[in-house]
Amino acid sequence: MQQFGKVAVMMGGSSSEREVSLMSGAGVLAALQSSGVDAHAFDPAERQLSALKDEGFARVFNILHGPFGEDGTLQGALEAMGIPYTGCGVMASAICMDKWRTKLLWKGADLPIPAFELLSADSDFDAIEAKLGLPIFVKPATEGSSIGITKVKEAGGLKAAFEEASRFDDIVLAEQFVGGGEYTCAVIGGEAYPTIKIEPATEYYDYDAKYFRDDTVYRCPSGLDEETEARARALAVQAFRVLGCRGWARIDFLMDEAGGIYLLEANTNPGMTSHSLVPMAARVQGLSYEDLCVKILESVHVG
């Protein structure tokens, strides 16, 4: 493991997902250290990035979630410093952090996505409700972990949902409901791992269901038949490549009752907590949490 040199596990930060990042980072740090990697915690909310050079760090395992860590900002800073890092580059990170622009790229590549509308204070909310049908999911474009999301189930509720989401972002999306199930597929080194079906006990897969509740059911294998599983994995890899991703990412998708697949979003720094999905898929693939962390660390882009 000496080939990696001194490794900074970038965690914490100052986004609304700080708490989750610290949980993910603690797991990654322990896994790398137990594997013999010279890994150290690094919280950019508490230390200047220049310390990476001053203290001789050779590469970064980036497990920051949200703005700064996942939107291309940190990636650009690390490239300017000449320090290799895990995950997607500047462009893909910036695009994937923005759900709207992610959808535009997928749509332009003729990949399937749910119908959606951009919302503003001047939107005709009644007309959009009629066009998309109820229920509708309303979400800020650049937040993760289901922060700011509302499921609108009753007519006339779209405006209030927009106002809630707009507290987190200037770009707000209204998205058509697709009711055949929520799934996700990890792509690591260009290979799609087994899909996972997510069955929350809550109304939808919200922040608590993702990170703190023990009654969310995750099915891996997902129960999809062989043909649909293969189709979903192939679509996840295609979605990954269209966005210019590298290293690793997680592609979330929905299915309708007829078996149609609709891409939802891409996560370029997926969670690595005890409840997280990428480690779950890796286990089914025969990869331990520790081996997964080392595999991701090996995938850094150098030069």
C-alpha atoms as a PDB file:
ATOM      1  CA  MET A   1       0.000   0.000   0.000  1.00  0.00           C
ATOM      2  CA  GLN A   2       3.041   2.275   0.071  1.00  0.00           C
ATOM      3  CA  GLN A   3       2.429   2.982  -3.628  1.00  0.00           C
ATOM      4  CA  PHE A   4      -0.329   5.397  -2.619  1.00  0.00           C
ATOM      5  CA  GLY A   5       1.910   7.554  -0.437  1.00  0.00           C
ATOM      6  CA  LYS A   6       0.273   9.782   2.163  1.00  0.00           C
ATOM      7  CA  VAL A   7      -3.479   9.921   1.515  1.00  0.00           C
ATOM      8  CA  ALA A   8      -5.916  12.612   2.647  1.00  0.00           C
ATOM      9  CA  VAL A   9      -9.467  11.416   3.209  1.00  0.00           C
ATOM     10  CA  MET A  10     -11.343  14.624   2.404  1.00  0.00           C
ATOM     11  CA  MET A  11     -14.451  14.722   4.593  1.00  0.00           C
ATOM     12  CA  GLY A  12     -16.785  17.105   6.391  1.00  0.00           C
ATOM     13  CA  GLY A  13     -16.720  20.463   4.646  1.00  0.00           C
ATOM     14  CA  SER A  14     -19.308  23.184   5.139  1.00  0.00           C
ATOM     15  CA  SER A  15     -22.246  22.043   2.978  1.00  0.00           C
ATOM     16  CA  SER A  16     -25.633  20.932   4.292  1.00  0.00           C
ATOM     17  CA  GLU A  17     -24.380  17.350   3.902  1.00  0.00           C
ATOM     18  CA  ARG A  18     -21.459  17.784   6.328  1.00  0.00           C
ATOM     19  CA  GLU A  19     -22.799  15.278   8.834  1.00  0.00           C
ATOM     20  CA  VAL A  20     -23.197  12.557   6.228  1.00  0.00           C
ATOM     21  CA  SER A  21     -19.739  13.279   4.790  1.00  0.00           C
ATOM     22  CA  LEU A  22     -18.161  12.883   8.218  1.00  0.00           C
ATOM     23  CA  MET A  23     -19.879   9.499   8.616  1.00  0.00           C
ATOM     24  CA  SER A  24     -18.753   8.391   5.154  1.00  0.00           C
ATOM     25  CA  GLY A  25     -15.245   9.677   5.748  1.00  0.00           C
ATOM     26  CA  ALA A  26     -14.872   7.902   9.076  1.00  0.00           C
ATOM     27  CA  GLY A  27     -15.697   4.589   7.384  1.00  0.00           C
ATOM     28  CA  VAL A  28     -13.324   5.166   4.479  1.00  0.00           C
ATOM     29  CA  LEU A  29     -10.511   6.305   6.771  1.00  0.00           C
ATOM     30  CA  ALA A  30     -10.789   3.238   8.999  1.00  0.00           C
ATOM     31  CA  ALA A  31     -10.965   0.930   5.963  1.00  0.00           C
ATOM     32  CA  LEU A  32      -7.879   2.404   4.313  1.00  0.00           C
ATOM     33  CA  GLN A  33      -5.883   2.400   7.541  1.00  0.00           C
ATOM     34  CA  SER A  34      -6.819  -1.220   8.238  1.00  0.00           C
ATOM     35  CA  SER A  35      -5.595  -2.065   4.728  1.00  0.00           C
ATOM     36  CA  GLY A  36      -2.197  -0.538   5.441  1.00  0.00           C
ATOM     37  CA  VAL A  37      -2.689   2.786   3.665  1.00  0.00           C
ATOM     38  CA  ASP A  38      -1.086   5.867   5.235  1.00  0.00           C
ATOM     39  CA  ALA A  39      -4.435   7.672   5.380  1.00  0.00           C
ATOM     40  CA  HIS A  40      -5.364  10.768   7.406  1.00  0.00           C
ATOM     41  CA  ALA A  41      -8.591  12.726   7.909  1.00  0.00           C
ATOM     42  CA  PHE A  42      -8.716  16.152   6.266  1.00  0.00           C
ATOM     43  CA  ASP A  43     -11.633  18.531   6.852  1.00  0.00           C
ATOM     44  CA  PRO A  44     -11.473  21.617   4.573  1.00  0.00           C
ATOM     45  CA  ALA A  45     -13.852  23.439   6.902  1.00  0.00           C
ATOM     46  CA  GLU A  46     -11.085  23.390   9.490  1.00  0.00           C
ATOM     47  CA  ARG A  47      -7.874  23.481   7.426  1.00  0.00           C
ATOM     48  CA  GLN A  48      -6.580  25.310   4.365  1.00  0.00           C
ATOM     49  CA  LEU A  49      -6.143  23.204   1.229  1.00  0.00           C
ATOM     50  CA  SER A  50      -2.557  24.439   1.011  1.00  0.00           C
ATOM     51  CA  ALA A  51      -1.809  22.079   3.908  1.00  0.00           C
ATOM     52  CA  LEU A  52      -2.109  19.206   1.463  1.00  0.00           C
ATOM     53  CA  LYS A  53       1.098  20.339  -0.254  1.00  0.00           C
ATOM     54  CA  ASP A  54       2.780  21.523   2.919  1.00  0.00           C
ATOM     55  CA  GLU A  55       2.243  18.164   4.632  1.00  0.00           C
ATOM     56  CA  GLY A  56       3.219  15.993   1.678  1.00  0.00           C
ATOM     57  CA  PHE A  57      -0.071  14.370   0.729  1.00  0.00           C
ATOM     58  CA  ALA A  58       0.296  12.343  -2.469  1.00  0.00           C
ATOM     59  CA  ARG A  59      -3.388  11.815  -3.297  1.00  0.00           C
ATOM     60  CA  VAL A  60      -6.879  12.548  -2.033  1.00  0.00           C
ATOM     61  CA  PHE A  61      -9.791  10.214  -1.403  1.00  0.00           C
ATOM     62  CA  ASN A  62     -12.612  12.718  -1.842  1.00  0.00           C
ATOM     63  CA  ILE A  63     -15.707  11.829   0.164  1.00  0.00           C
ATOM     64  CA  LEU A  64     -17.102  15.345   0.545  1.00  0.00           C
ATOM     65  CA  HIS A  65     -20.787  15.581  -0.341  1.00  0.00           C
ATOM     66  CA  GLY A  66     -22.539  18.613  -1.766  1.00  0.00           C
ATOM     67  CA  PRO A  67     -21.205  21.991  -2.960  1.00  0.00           C
ATOM     68  CA  PHE A  68     -17.428  22.569  -2.967  1.00  0.00           C
ATOM     69  CA  GLY A  69     -16.589  18.873  -2.695  1.00  0.00           C
ATOM     70  CA  GLU A  70     -18.835  17.475  -5.378  1.00  0.00           C
ATOM     71  CA  ASP A  71     -19.398  20.330  -7.840  1.00  0.00           C
ATOM     72  CA  GLY A  72     -15.991  20.687  -9.461  1.00  0.00           C
ATOM     73  CA  THR A  73     -14.619  23.344  -7.097  1.00  0.00           C
ATOM     74  CA  LEU A  74     -12.377  21.049  -5.061  1.00  0.00           C
ATOM     75  CA  GLN A  75     -11.493  19.091  -8.177  1.00  0.00           C
ATOM     76  CA  GLY A  76     -10.205  22.237  -9.887  1.00  0.00           C
ATOM     77  CA  ALA A  77      -8.181  23.231  -6.838  1.00  0.00           C
ATOM     78  CA  LEU A  78      -6.575  19.788  -6.601  1.00  0.00           C
ATOM     79  CA  GLU A  79      -5.717  19.792 -10.295  1.00  0.00           C
ATOM     80  CA  ALA A  80      -4.111  23.207  -9.939  1.00  0.00           C
ATOM     81  CA  MET A  81      -2.065  21.795  -7.053  1.00  0.00           C
ATOM     82  CA  GLY A  82      -1.144  18.683  -9.028  1.00  0.00           C
ATOM     83  CA  ILE A  83      -2.648  16.288  -6.486  1.00  0.00           C
ATOM     84  CA  PRO A  84      -4.488  13.234  -7.878  1.00  0.00           C
ATOM     85  CA  TYR A  85      -7.942  12.549  -6.439  1.00  0.00           C
ATOM     86  CA  THR A  86     -10.691   9.977  -6.582  1.00  0.00           C
ATOM     87  CA  GLY A  87     -13.883  10.405  -8.553  1.00  0.00           C
ATOM     88  CA  CYS A  88     -14.988  12.525 -11.459  1.00  0.00           C
ATOM     89  CA  GLY A  89     -13.141  15.478 -12.921  1.00  0.00           C
ATOM     90  CA  VAL A  90     -14.095  19.144 -12.921  1.00  0.00           C
ATOM     91  CA  MET A  91     -16.604  19.096 -15.769  1.00  0.00           C
ATOM     92  CA  ALA A  92     -18.470  15.906 -14.859  1.00  0.00           C
ATOM     93  CA  SER A  93     -18.578  16.878 -11.190  1.00  0.00           C
ATOM     94  CA  ALA A  94     -20.076  20.266 -12.000  1.00  0.00           C
ATOM     95  CA  ILE A  95     -22.652  18.828 -14.375  1.00  0.00           C
ATOM     96  CA  CYS A  96     -23.724  15.940 -12.139  1.00  0.00           C
ATOM     97  CA  MET A  97     -24.186  18.277  -9.179  1.00  0.00           C
ATOM     98  CA  ASP A  98     -26.803  20.091 -11.250  1.00  0.00           C
ATOM     99  CA  LYS A  99     -29.814  17.823 -11.779  1.00  0.00           C
ATOM    100  CA  TRP A 100     -31.216  20.096 -14.479  1.00  0.00           C
ATOM    101  CA  ARG A 101     -28.115  20.086 -16.662  1.00  0.00           C
ATOM    102  CA  THR A 102     -27.654  16.364 -16.056  1.00  0.00           C
ATOM    103  CA  LYS A 103     -31.146  15.824 -17.463  1.00  0.00           C
ATOM    104  CA  LEU A 104     -30.398  18.039 -20.441  1.00  0.00           C
ATOM    105  CA  LEU A 105     -27.341  15.980 -21.367  1.00  0.00           C
ATOM    106  CA  TRP A 106     -29.164  12.682 -20.983  1.00  0.00           C
ATOM    107  CA  LYS A 107     -32.096  14.014 -22.982  1.00  0.00           C
ATOM    108  CA  GLY A 108     -29.727  15.234 -25.689  1.00  0.00           C
ATOM    109  CA  ALA A 109     -28.210  11.744 -25.878  1.00  0.00           C
ATOM    110  CA  ASP A 110     -31.713  10.280 -26.209  1.00  0.00           C
ATOM    111  CA  LEU A 111     -31.560   8.516 -22.835  1.00  0.00           C
ATOM    112  CA  PRO A 112     -34.873   8.077 -20.971  1.00  0.00           C
ATOM    113  CA  ILE A 113     -35.737  10.531 -18.170  1.00  0.00           C
ATOM    114  CA  PRO A 114     -38.999  11.449 -16.405  1.00  0.00           C
ATOM    115  CA  ALA A 115     -40.865  14.477 -17.752  1.00  0.00           C
ATOM    116  CA  PHE A 116     -39.958  17.655 -15.864  1.00  0.00           C
ATOM    117  CA  GLU A 117     -40.461  21.410 -15.748  1.00  0.00           C
ATOM    118  CA  LEU A 118     -38.330  24.226 -14.390  1.00  0.00           C
ATOM    119  CA  LEU A 119     -40.140  26.289 -11.767  1.00  0.00           C
ATOM    120  CA  SER A 120     -39.914  29.972 -10.941  1.00  0.00           C
ATOM    121  CA  ALA A 121     -41.965  32.424  -8.925  1.00  0.00           C
ATOM    122  CA  ASP A 122     -43.785  33.324 -12.153  1.00  0.00           C
ATOM    123  CA  SER A 123     -44.668  29.736 -13.114  1.00  0.00           C
ATOM    124  CA  ASP A 124     -48.246  28.767 -13.880  1.00  0.00           C
ATOM    125  CA  PHE A 125     -48.337  26.183 -11.098  1.00  0.00           C
ATOM    126  CA  ASP A 126     -51.825  24.934 -11.914  1.00  0.00           C
ATOM    127  CA  ALA A 127     -50.884  24.335 -15.550  1.00  0.00           C
ATOM    128  CA  ILE A 128     -47.721  22.456 -14.581  1.00  0.00           C
ATOM    129  CA  GLU A 129     -49.694  20.278 -12.157  1.00  0.00           C
ATOM    130  CA  ALA A 130     -52.109  19.462 -14.967  1.00  0.00           C
ATOM    131  CA  LYS A 131     -49.287  18.726 -17.418  1.00  0.00           C
ATOM    132  CA  LEU A 132     -47.187  16.473 -15.163  1.00  0.00           C
ATOM    133  CA  GLY A 133     -50.040  14.948 -13.177  1.00  0.00           C
ATOM    134  CA  LEU A 134     -50.008  14.204  -9.464  1.00  0.00           C
ATOM    135  CA  PRO A 135     -48.026  13.315  -7.502  1.00  0.00           C
ATOM    136  CA  ILE A 136     -45.075  15.511  -8.482  1.00  0.00           C
ATOM    137  CA  PHE A 137     -41.621  15.611  -6.923  1.00  0.00           C
ATOM    138  CA  VAL A 138     -40.192  19.102  -6.444  1.00  0.00           C
ATOM    139  CA  LYS A 139     -36.471  19.417  -5.779  1.00  0.00           C
ATOM    140  CA  PRO A 140     -33.626  21.958  -5.762  1.00  0.00           C
ATOM    141  CA  ALA A 141     -31.266  21.288  -8.655  1.00  0.00           C
ATOM    142  CA  THR A 142     -27.973  21.234  -6.766  1.00  0.00           C
ATOM    143  CA  GLU A 143     -28.714  19.703  -3.375  1.00  0.00           C
ATOM    144  CA  GLY A 144     -28.186  16.048  -2.517  1.00  0.00           C
ATOM    145  CA  SER A 145     -29.423  13.631   0.138  1.00  0.00           C
ATOM    146  CA  SER A 146     -33.060  14.535  -0.644  1.00  0.00           C
ATOM    147  CA  ILE A 147     -32.634  17.922   1.038  1.00  0.00           C
ATOM    148  CA  GLY A 148     -35.405  20.360   0.076  1.00  0.00           C
ATOM    149  CA  ILE A 149     -37.530  17.754  -1.719  1.00  0.00           C
ATOM    150  CA  THR A 150     -41.323  17.683  -1.476  1.00  0.00           C
ATOM    151  CA  LYS A 151     -43.775  15.142  -2.845  1.00  0.00           C
ATOM    152  CA  VAL A 152     -46.831  17.092  -3.973  1.00  0.00           C
ATOM    153  CA  LYS A 153     -49.890  14.858  -3.688  1.00  0.00           C
ATOM    154  CA  GLU A 154     -52.767  17.343  -3.678  1.00  0.00           C
ATOM    155  CA  ALA A 155     -53.804  19.914  -6.269  1.00  0.00           C
ATOM    156  CA  GLY A 156     -52.646  23.419  -5.415  1.00  0.00           C
ATOM    157  CA  GLY A 157     -49.577  22.258  -3.490  1.00  0.00           C
ATOM    158  CA  LEU A 158     -46.947  22.942  -6.132  1.00  0.00           C
ATOM    159  CA  LYS A 159     -46.302  26.585  -5.248  1.00  0.00           C
ATOM    160  CA  ALA A 160     -45.576  25.844  -1.584  1.00  0.00           C
ATOM    161  CA  ALA A 161     -43.236  23.027  -2.622  1.00  0.00           C
ATOM    162  CA  PHE A 162     -41.422  25.410  -4.974  1.00  0.00           C
ATOM    163  CA  GLU A 163     -40.994  27.939  -2.164  1.00  0.00           C
ATOM    164  CA  GLU A 164     -39.488  25.253   0.082  1.00  0.00           C
ATOM    165  CA  ALA A 165     -37.036  24.057  -2.578  1.00  0.00           C
ATOM    166  CA  SER A 166     -36.069  27.615  -3.538  1.00  0.00           C
ATOM    167  CA  ARG A 167     -34.664  28.118  -0.032  1.00  0.00           C
ATOM    168  CA  PHE A 168     -31.823  25.826  -1.132  1.00  0.00           C
ATOM    169  CA  ASP A 169     -31.318  26.713  -4.792  1.00  0.00           C
ATOM    170  CA  ASP A 170     -32.326  29.233  -7.457  1.00  0.00           C
ATOM    171  CA  ILE A 171     -33.019  26.364  -9.880  1.00  0.00           C
ATOM    172  CA  VAL A 172     -36.009  24.231  -8.903  1.00  0.00           C
ATOM    173  CA  LEU A 173     -37.372  21.223 -10.788  1.00  0.00           C
ATOM    174  CA  ALA A 174     -40.835  19.694 -10.861  1.00  0.00           C
ATOM    175  CA  GLU A 175     -40.565  16.068 -11.898  1.00  0.00           C
ATOM    176  CA  GLN A 176     -43.149  13.570 -13.054  1.00  0.00           C
ATOM    177  CA  PHE A 177     -43.825  10.690 -10.665  1.00  0.00           C
ATOM    178  CA  VAL A 178     -42.752   7.257 -11.907  1.00  0.00           C
ATOM    179  CA  GLY A 179     -44.273   4.607  -9.687  1.00  0.00           C
ATOM    180  CA  GLY A 180     -42.736   1.242 -10.500  1.00  0.00           C
ATOM    181  CA  GLY A 181     -39.900   1.394  -7.989  1.00  0.00           C
ATOM    182  CA  GLU A 182     -36.661   3.227  -7.212  1.00  0.00           C
ATOM    183  CA  TYR A 183     -33.322   1.632  -8.013  1.00  0.00           C
ATOM    184  CA  THR A 184     -29.657   2.493  -8.138  1.00  0.00           C
ATOM    185  CA  CYS A 185     -26.583   1.138  -9.900  1.00  0.00           C
ATOM    186  CA  ALA A 186     -22.967   1.750  -8.930  1.00  0.00           C
ATOM    187  CA  VAL A 187     -20.463   2.145 -11.753  1.00  0.00           C
ATOM    188  CA  ILE A 188     -16.841   1.648 -10.724  1.00  0.00           C
ATOM    189  CA  GLY A 189     -14.025   1.733 -13.238  1.00  0.00           C
ATOM    190  CA  GLY A 190     -16.561   1.599 -16.057  1.00  0.00           C
ATOM    191  CA  GLU A 191     -18.188  -1.596 -14.712  1.00  0.00           C
ATOM    192  CA  ALA A 192     -21.794  -1.658 -13.516  1.00  0.00           C
ATOM    193  CA  TYR A 193     -22.347  -3.430 -10.212  1.00  0.00           C
ATOM    194  CA  PRO A 194     -25.577  -5.249  -9.243  1.00  0.00           C
ATOM    195  CA  THR A 195     -28.622  -2.979  -9.088  1.00  0.00           C
ATOM    196  CA  ILE A 196     -30.316  -2.270  -5.765  1.00  0.00           C
ATOM    197  CA  LYS A 197     -34.028  -1.783  -5.208  1.00  0.00           C
ATOM    198  CA  ILE A 198     -34.879   0.795  -2.534  1.00  0.00           C
ATOM    199  CA  GLU A 199     -38.070   0.340  -0.532  1.00  0.00           C
ATOM    200  CA  PRO A 200     -38.431   3.120   2.073  1.00  0.00           C
ATOM    201  CA  ALA A 201     -40.939   2.799   4.905  1.00  0.00           C
ATOM    202  CA  THR A 202     -41.435   6.562   4.663  1.00  0.00           C
ATOM    203  CA  GLU A 203     -43.440   8.385   1.993  1.00  0.00           C
ATOM    204  CA  TYR A 204     -40.345   8.489  -0.198  1.00  0.00           C
ATOM    205  CA  TYR A 205     -36.595   7.975   0.106  1.00  0.00           C
ATOM    206  CA  ASP A 206     -35.879  11.037   2.238  1.00  0.00           C
ATOM    207  CA  TYR A 207     -32.860  12.135   4.313  1.00  0.00           C
ATOM    208  CA  ASP A 208     -33.784  10.077   7.376  1.00  0.00           C
ATOM    209  CA  ALA A 209     -34.554   6.995   5.295  1.00  0.00           C
ATOM    210  CA  LYS A 210     -31.171   7.285   3.595  1.00  0.00           C
ATOM    211  CA  TYR A 211     -28.969   7.704   6.620  1.00  0.00           C
ATOM    212  CA  PHE A 212     -30.660   7.027   9.927  1.00  0.00           C
ATOM    213  CA  ARG A 213     -33.711   4.764   9.725  1.00  0.00           C
ATOM    214  CA  ASP A 214     -33.357   1.003  10.003  1.00  0.00           C
ATOM    215  CA  ASP A 215     -36.682   0.169   8.347  1.00  0.00           C
ATOM    216  CA  THR A 216     -35.671   1.104   4.787  1.00  0.00           C
ATOM    217  CA  VAL A 217     -35.442  -2.117   2.780  1.00  0.00           C
ATOM    218  CA  TYR A 218     -32.646  -2.548   0.254  1.00  0.00           C
ATOM    219  CA  ARG A 219     -32.822  -5.497  -2.107  1.00  0.00           C
ATOM    220  CA  CYS A 220     -29.592  -6.570  -3.733  1.00  0.00           C
ATOM    221  CA  PRO A 221     -29.943  -8.511  -5.939  1.00  0.00           C
ATOM    222  CA  SER A 222     -32.823  -6.219  -6.789  1.00  0.00           C
ATOM    223  CA  GLY A 223     -35.213  -8.899  -8.026  1.00  0.00           C
ATOM    224  CA  LEU A 224     -35.170  -7.694 -11.633  1.00  0.00           C
ATOM    225  CA  ASP A 225     -35.249 -10.453 -14.209  1.00  0.00           C
ATOM    226  CA  GLU A 226     -32.002 -11.177 -16.042  1.00  0.00           C
ATOM    227  CA  GLU A 227     -32.895  -9.197 -19.161  1.00  0.00           C
ATOM    228  CA  THR A 228     -34.044  -6.104 -17.242  1.00  0.00           C
ATOM    229  CA  GLU A 229     -31.012  -6.246 -14.934  1.00  0.00           C
ATOM    230  CA  ALA A 230     -28.699  -6.333 -17.942  1.00  0.00           C
ATOM    231  CA  ARG A 231     -30.610  -3.478 -19.581  1.00  0.00           C
ATOM    232  CA  ALA A 232     -30.434  -1.372 -16.399  1.00  0.00           C
ATOM    233  CA  ARG A 233     -26.700  -1.942 -15.955  1.00  0.00           C
ATOM    234  CA  ALA A 234     -25.976  -1.112 -19.585  1.00  0.00           C
ATOM    235  CA  LEU A 235     -28.021   2.085 -19.312  1.00  0.00           C
ATOM    236  CA  ALA A 236     -26.166   3.075 -16.115  1.00  0.00           C
ATOM    237  CA  VAL A 237     -22.807   2.713 -17.873  1.00  0.00           C
ATOM    238  CA  GLN A 238     -24.104   4.710 -20.834  1.00  0.00           C
ATOM    239  CA  ALA A 239     -25.407   7.449 -18.522  1.00  0.00           C
ATOM    240  CA  PHE A 240     -22.023   7.492 -16.724  1.00  0.00           C
ATOM    241  CA  ARG A 241     -20.129   7.940 -19.995  1.00  0.00           C
ATOM    242  CA  VAL A 242     -22.443  10.596 -21.450  1.00  0.00           C
ATOM    243  CA  LEU A 243     -21.766  12.752 -18.392  1.00  0.00           C
ATOM    244  CA  GLY A 244     -18.003  12.295 -18.719  1.00  0.00           C
ATOM    245  CA  CYS A 245     -17.697  10.485 -15.400  1.00  0.00           C
ATOM    246  CA  ARG A 246     -14.590   8.598 -14.352  1.00  0.00           C
ATOM    247  CA  GLY A 247     -13.502   6.560 -11.359  1.00  0.00           C
ATOM    248  CA  TRP A 248     -16.795   5.857  -9.693  1.00  0.00           C
ATOM    249  CA  ALA A 249     -20.348   7.153  -9.449  1.00  0.00           C
ATOM    250  CA  ARG A 250     -23.836   5.923  -8.643  1.00  0.00           C
ATOM    251  CA  ILE A 251     -26.654   6.217 -11.161  1.00  0.00           C
ATOM    252  CA  ASP A 252     -30.164   6.366  -9.691  1.00  0.00           C
ATOM    253  CA  PHE A 253     -33.124   5.343 -11.815  1.00  0.00           C
ATOM    254  CA  LEU A 254     -36.853   4.702 -11.635  1.00  0.00           C
ATOM    255  CA  MET A 255     -38.986   2.039 -13.245  1.00  0.00           C
ATOM    256  CA  ASP A 256     -42.591   2.232 -14.335  1.00  0.00           C
ATOM    257  CA  GLU A 257     -45.129  -0.557 -14.052  1.00  0.00           C
ATOM    258  CA  ALA A 258     -44.438  -1.641 -17.635  1.00  0.00           C
ATOM    259  CA  GLY A 259     -40.704  -2.140 -17.025  1.00  0.00           C
ATOM    260  CA  GLY A 260     -39.563   1.154 -18.549  1.00  0.00           C
ATOM    261  CA  ILE A 261     -36.382   2.620 -17.036  1.00  0.00           C
ATOM    262  CA  TYR A 262     -36.009   6.362 -16.394  1.00  0.00           C
ATOM    263  CA  LEU A 263     -32.709   7.923 -15.315  1.00  0.00           C
ATOM    264  CA  LEU A 264     -33.037  10.094 -12.236  1.00  0.00           C
ATOM    265  CA  GLU A 265     -29.642  11.512 -11.248  1.00  0.00           C
ATOM    266  CA  ALA A 266     -25.930  10.777 -10.908  1.00  0.00           C
ATOM    267  CA  ASN A 267     -23.991  10.885  -7.645  1.00  0.00           C
ATOM    268  CA  THR A 268     -20.286  11.455  -8.172  1.00  0.00           C
ATOM    269  CA  ASN A 269     -19.326  11.101  -4.487  1.00  0.00           C
ATOM    270  CA  PRO A 270     -21.778   8.470  -3.255  1.00  0.00           C
ATOM    271  CA  GLY A 271     -22.231   7.880   0.445  1.00  0.00           C
ATOM    272  CA  MET A 272     -20.008   5.323   2.147  1.00  0.00           C
ATOM    273  CA  THR A 273     -21.836   5.022   5.484  1.00  0.00           C
ATOM    274  CA  SER A 274     -23.195   1.833   7.055  1.00  0.00           C
ATOM    275  CA  HIS A 275     -26.491   2.521   5.255  1.00  0.00           C
ATOM    276  CA  SER A 276     -24.915   3.364   1.898  1.00  0.00           C
ATOM    277  CA  LEU A 277     -25.620   1.608  -1.359  1.00  0.00           C
ATOM    278  CA  VAL A 278     -22.304   1.311  -3.175  1.00  0.00           C
ATOM    279  CA  PRO A 279     -20.753  -0.863  -0.420  1.00  0.00           C
ATOM    280  CA  MET A 280     -23.882  -3.030  -0.507  1.00  0.00           C
ATOM    281  CA  ALA A 281     -23.576  -3.653  -4.252  1.00  0.00           C
ATOM    282  CA  ALA A 282     -19.850  -4.298  -3.866  1.00  0.00           C
ATOM    283  CA  ARG A 283     -20.516  -7.022  -1.279  1.00  0.00           C
ATOM    284  CA  VAL A 284     -22.830  -8.802  -3.711  1.00  0.00           C
ATOM    285  CA  GLN A 285     -20.063  -8.443  -6.295  1.00  0.00           C
ATOM    286  CA  GLY A 286     -17.695 -10.169  -3.844  1.00  0.00           C
ATOM    287  CA  LEU A 287     -15.828  -7.056  -2.718  1.00  0.00           C
ATOM    288  CA  SER A 288     -15.427  -6.159   0.958  1.00  0.00           C
ATOM    289  CA  TYR A 289     -15.797  -2.563   2.177  1.00  0.00           C
ATOM    290  CA  GLU A 290     -12.030  -2.372   2.694  1.00  0.00           C
ATOM    291  CA  ASP A 291     -11.268  -3.735  -0.760  1.00  0.00           C
ATOM    292  CA  LEU A 292     -13.824  -1.356  -2.284  1.00  0.00           C
ATOM    293  CA  CYS A 293     -12.117   1.651  -0.699  1.00  0.00           C
ATOM    294  CA  VAL A 294      -8.727   0.516  -1.989  1.00  0.00           C
ATOM    295  CA  LYS A 295     -10.179  -0.092  -5.468  1.00  0.00           C
ATOM    296  CA  ILE A 296     -11.584   3.432  -5.562  1.00  0.00           C
ATOM    297  CA  LEU A 297      -8.269   4.854  -4.329  1.00  0.00           C
ATOM    298  CA  GLU A 298      -6.467   2.963  -7.108  1.00  0.00           C
ATOM    299  CA  SER A 299      -8.735   4.587  -9.714  1.00  0.00           C
ATOM    300  CA  VAL A 300      -7.472   8.147  -9.228  1.00  0.00           C
ATOM    301  CA  HIS A 301      -6.719  10.107 -12.370  1.00  0.00           C
ATOM    302  CA  VAL A 302      -3.005  10.921 -12.567  1.00  0.00           C
ATOM    303  CA  GLY A 303      -1.745  13.479 -15.070  1.00  0.00           C
END
